[in-house]
Amino acid sequence: MAVDLRRTRPLVATAAAVLAAAALSACGSGGGADPAAAPAPSSAAPSSAATPTDVAPPPIKGKLRGYGTVRQLSDAADLVVRGEVEAAGFRVDEVLRAATGSTVRAGARITLAPLPAGVPDMAHMSKLETGQVVVLYLAQDPTAPTFRTLSGDFGVFDLNGAGAEAVATTRSQTMAVSGLNAEDPAASGHGFRTTLGQLRAVAAQAR
């Protein structure tokens, strides 16, 4: 029996299209991974620099240096003098030590300046009053002809008596040295007492 080719052409085309679609579907599902299973990209950006954990704090301003011995005071001082506080300044009766180039001599009168304004320890400092006889460890102001006691009360010894055996006592109990040439931990915070003769001897050894 003869077959009409005009009727079979559409059927062949339809069958070919179905096979092609099936082949494409098989290829798409066989080789690709499930998109839902792929790891999602991280949204957090890496830090450009590590967070510092051991940064030194800023230095504290206005704090005074502490001194542990008379020798330390003597080495640091521009001028070590014995004398009397007067209304207009300080009368120098003896120079125990003077830095090179100093013109201060016994009989001179020098001007004492207060500590710089704003120093936190100022509230705990004593004041030098007229008539007090003391030994002072002084720093010279580089811009003016004045002197300041080293770290406030650290540089003040009150004198009682006369001659080399005169008793020299730190002005403060807490802001005070604890020994002549070596610190005494047991004496720390309790003030320190010595003699004028010993202060002279240590000042003579100062650098």
Protein backbone atom coordinates (compact mmCIF):
# COMPACT_ATOMS: atom_id res chain seq x y z
CA MET A 1 0.00 0.00 0.00
CA ALA A 2 1.36 3.45 -0.95
CA VAL A 3 2.09 5.99 1.89
CA ASP A 4 1.32 9.66 1.47
CA LEU A 5 4.63 11.41 2.27
CA ARG A 6 2.88 14.78 2.76
CA ARG A 7 1.05 13.41 5.83
CA THR A 8 4.13 11.77 7.44
CA ARG A 9 6.46 14.85 7.32
CA PRO A 10 4.70 16.73 10.16
CA LEU A 11 4.82 13.63 12.39
CA VAL A 12 8.52 13.14 11.78
CA ALA A 13 9.26 16.80 12.62
CA THR A 14 7.24 16.61 15.83
CA ALA A 15 9.02 13.45 16.96
CA ALA A 16 12.43 15.02 16.27
CA ALA A 17 11.54 18.08 18.33
CA VAL A 18 10.45 15.92 21.27
CA LEU A 19 13.69 13.92 21.19
CA ALA A 20 15.81 17.08 21.02
CA ALA A 21 14.06 18.59 24.04
CA ALA A 22 14.55 15.38 26.00
CA ALA A 23 18.26 15.33 25.16
CA LEU A 24 18.72 18.94 26.28
CA SER A 25 16.92 18.25 29.53
CA ALA A 26 19.15 15.26 30.25
CA CYS A 27 22.30 17.28 29.60
CA GLY A 28 21.19 20.14 31.85
CA SER A 29 20.37 17.92 34.83
CA GLY A 30 23.27 15.47 34.64
CA GLY A 31 26.41 17.67 34.79
CA GLY A 32 25.44 20.75 36.89
CA ALA A 33 25.32 20.89 40.70
CA ASP A 34 22.24 22.03 42.52
CA PRO A 35 22.51 25.83 42.74
CA ALA A 36 20.96 25.78 46.20
CA ALA A 37 23.81 23.63 47.51
CA ALA A 38 26.57 26.08 46.50
CA PRO A 39 28.05 28.01 49.44
CA ALA A 40 26.91 31.57 49.67
CA PRO A 41 29.63 34.18 49.39
CA SER A 42 30.54 35.77 52.72
CA SER A 43 29.24 39.29 53.19
CA ALA A 44 31.80 40.20 55.88
CA ALA A 45 34.82 41.98 54.51
CA PRO A 46 38.17 41.03 56.03
CA SER A 47 39.62 43.63 58.41
CA SER A 48 42.37 45.68 56.85
CA ALA A 49 44.32 45.93 60.15
CA ALA A 50 44.38 44.00 63.38
CA THR A 51 42.79 45.70 66.38
CA PRO A 52 45.57 46.81 68.74
CA THR A 53 45.35 45.12 72.13
CA ASP A 54 48.59 46.24 73.76
CA VAL A 55 48.82 49.94 73.04
CA ALA A 56 50.59 51.97 75.69
CA PRO A 57 48.40 54.64 77.30
CA PRO A 58 49.29 58.25 76.67
CA PRO A 59 51.77 59.67 79.11
CA ILE A 60 50.36 61.38 82.15
CA LYS A 61 51.19 65.08 82.15
CA GLY A 62 51.87 67.17 85.22
CA LYS A 63 53.07 64.40 87.51
CA LEU A 64 56.09 65.03 89.67
CA ARG A 65 59.16 62.82 89.78
CA GLY A 66 59.70 60.95 93.03
CA TYR A 67 63.11 60.69 94.69
CA GLY A 68 64.22 57.77 96.84
CA THR A 69 67.51 59.06 98.29
CA VAL A 70 69.32 62.24 99.25
CA ARG A 71 71.96 61.30 96.69
CA GLN A 72 69.36 61.34 93.93
CA LEU A 73 68.22 64.80 95.03
CA SER A 74 71.81 66.04 95.15
CA ASP A 75 72.61 64.70 91.68
CA ALA A 76 69.49 66.26 90.16
CA ALA A 77 69.65 69.67 91.83
CA ASP A 78 71.13 72.75 90.20
CA LEU A 79 71.57 74.26 93.65
CA VAL A 80 71.52 72.90 97.23
CA VAL A 81 71.39 75.62 99.87
CA ARG A 82 70.82 76.17 103.56
CA GLY A 83 69.14 79.37 104.64
CA GLU A 84 66.02 81.16 105.80
CA VAL A 85 62.77 81.99 104.06
CA GLU A 86 62.18 85.74 103.94
CA ALA A 87 59.18 87.76 102.89
CA ALA A 88 60.85 88.77 99.64
CA GLY A 89 62.59 85.49 98.82
CA PHE A 90 65.24 83.23 100.31
CA ARG A 91 68.45 84.21 102.08
CA VAL A 92 71.30 81.81 101.33
CA ASP A 93 73.49 81.14 104.37
CA GLU A 94 75.43 78.21 102.91
CA VAL A 95 75.82 76.60 99.49
CA LEU A 96 76.09 72.84 99.84
CA ARG A 97 76.28 72.27 96.10
CA ALA A 98 76.03 74.40 92.96
CA ALA A 99 76.04 73.42 89.32
CA THR A 100 78.91 74.56 87.18
CA GLY A 101 78.51 78.21 86.26
CA SER A 102 76.29 79.12 89.21
CA THR A 103 76.88 82.55 90.70
CA VAL A 104 74.93 81.97 93.90
CA ARG A 105 77.07 82.42 97.00
CA ALA A 106 76.49 82.57 100.76
CA GLY A 107 74.79 85.87 101.58
CA ALA A 108 72.90 86.00 98.30
CA ARG A 109 69.15 86.25 98.06
CA ILE A 110 67.32 84.18 95.48
CA THR A 111 63.74 84.14 94.27
CA LEU A 112 61.69 80.99 94.73
CA ALA A 113 58.93 80.23 92.24
CA PRO A 114 55.92 77.96 92.82
CA LEU A 115 55.37 74.75 90.91
CA PRO A 116 53.74 75.15 87.47
CA ALA A 117 50.00 75.64 87.59
CA GLY A 118 47.92 72.56 86.94
CA VAL A 119 50.24 69.99 88.56
CA PRO A 120 47.88 67.50 90.28
CA ASP A 121 50.20 67.04 93.27
CA MET A 122 50.07 70.76 94.09
CA ALA A 123 47.12 70.16 96.42
CA HIS A 124 49.33 68.06 98.70
CA MET A 125 52.29 70.46 98.88
CA SER A 126 53.23 72.63 101.85
CA LYS A 127 54.22 76.27 101.63
CA LEU A 128 57.47 77.87 102.62
CA GLU A 129 56.72 80.45 105.30
CA THR A 130 58.76 83.44 106.39
CA GLY A 131 61.22 82.57 109.16
CA GLN A 132 61.58 78.87 108.33
CA VAL A 133 65.17 77.57 108.32
CA VAL A 134 65.58 74.87 105.69
CA VAL A 135 67.85 73.05 103.28
CA LEU A 136 66.48 73.30 99.74
CA TYR A 137 67.23 71.18 96.69
CA LEU A 138 66.50 73.48 93.78
CA ALA A 139 66.11 73.45 90.02
CA GLN A 140 66.81 76.69 88.16
CA ASP A 141 64.24 78.02 85.74
CA PRO A 142 65.95 78.05 82.32
CA THR A 143 64.07 81.17 81.24
CA ALA A 144 64.07 83.27 84.41
CA PRO A 145 66.34 83.98 87.41
CA THR A 146 64.18 81.92 89.76
CA PHE A 147 64.38 78.50 91.43
CA ARG A 148 61.88 75.77 92.29
CA THR A 149 62.23 73.03 94.87
CA LEU A 150 62.69 69.63 93.23
CA SER A 151 59.27 67.98 93.01
CA GLY A 152 57.79 70.28 95.62
CA ASP A 153 58.15 68.88 99.13
CA PHE A 154 60.72 66.29 98.04
CA GLY A 155 63.29 69.09 97.90
CA VAL A 156 62.61 70.58 101.35
CA PHE A 157 64.32 69.61 104.64
CA ASP A 158 63.40 71.49 107.81
CA LEU A 159 66.35 72.23 110.12
CA ASN A 160 66.30 72.23 113.89
CA GLY A 161 69.46 73.07 115.83
CA ALA A 162 72.85 74.45 114.89
CA GLY A 163 76.05 73.17 113.40
CA ALA A 164 76.69 69.87 111.68
CA GLU A 165 74.49 68.03 114.19
CA ALA A 166 71.40 70.09 113.36
CA VAL A 167 68.51 67.73 112.68
CA ALA A 168 67.27 67.77 109.08
CA THR A 169 63.77 66.34 108.57
CA THR A 170 61.88 65.93 105.32
CA ARG A 171 59.02 68.39 105.03
CA SER A 172 56.55 65.69 103.97
CA GLN A 173 55.97 62.19 105.31
CA THR A 174 54.94 60.72 101.96
CA MET A 175 56.72 62.91 99.41
CA ALA A 176 60.11 62.19 100.90
CA VAL A 177 63.29 60.22 100.42
CA SER A 178 63.87 57.12 102.53
CA GLY A 179 67.69 57.08 102.77
CA LEU A 180 70.95 58.88 102.16
CA ASN A 181 72.55 56.74 99.45
CA ALA A 182 70.22 53.75 99.40
CA GLU A 183 66.47 53.51 99.77
CA ASP A 184 64.99 51.94 102.88
CA PRO A 185 61.64 50.29 102.02
CA ALA A 186 60.71 50.16 105.70
CA ALA A 187 61.03 53.95 105.96
CA SER A 188 59.11 54.72 102.77
CA GLY A 189 56.03 56.81 103.46
CA HIS A 190 57.16 57.74 106.99
CA GLY A 191 59.46 60.66 106.26
CA PHE A 192 63.22 60.73 106.76
CA ARG A 193 65.49 62.31 109.37
CA THR A 194 69.23 62.92 109.20
CA THR A 195 71.69 65.68 110.09
CA LEU A 196 72.96 68.74 108.29
CA GLY A 197 76.45 67.21 108.34
CA GLN A 198 75.23 64.15 106.46
CA LEU A 199 73.43 66.29 103.88
CA ARG A 200 76.70 68.15 103.35
CA ALA A 201 78.66 64.94 102.88
CA VAL A 202 76.24 63.54 100.28
CA ALA A 203 76.08 66.86 98.40
CA ALA A 204 79.88 66.87 98.16
CA GLN A 205 79.78 63.48 96.42
CA ALA A 206 77.14 64.49 93.88
CA ARG A 207 77.92 64.37 90.19
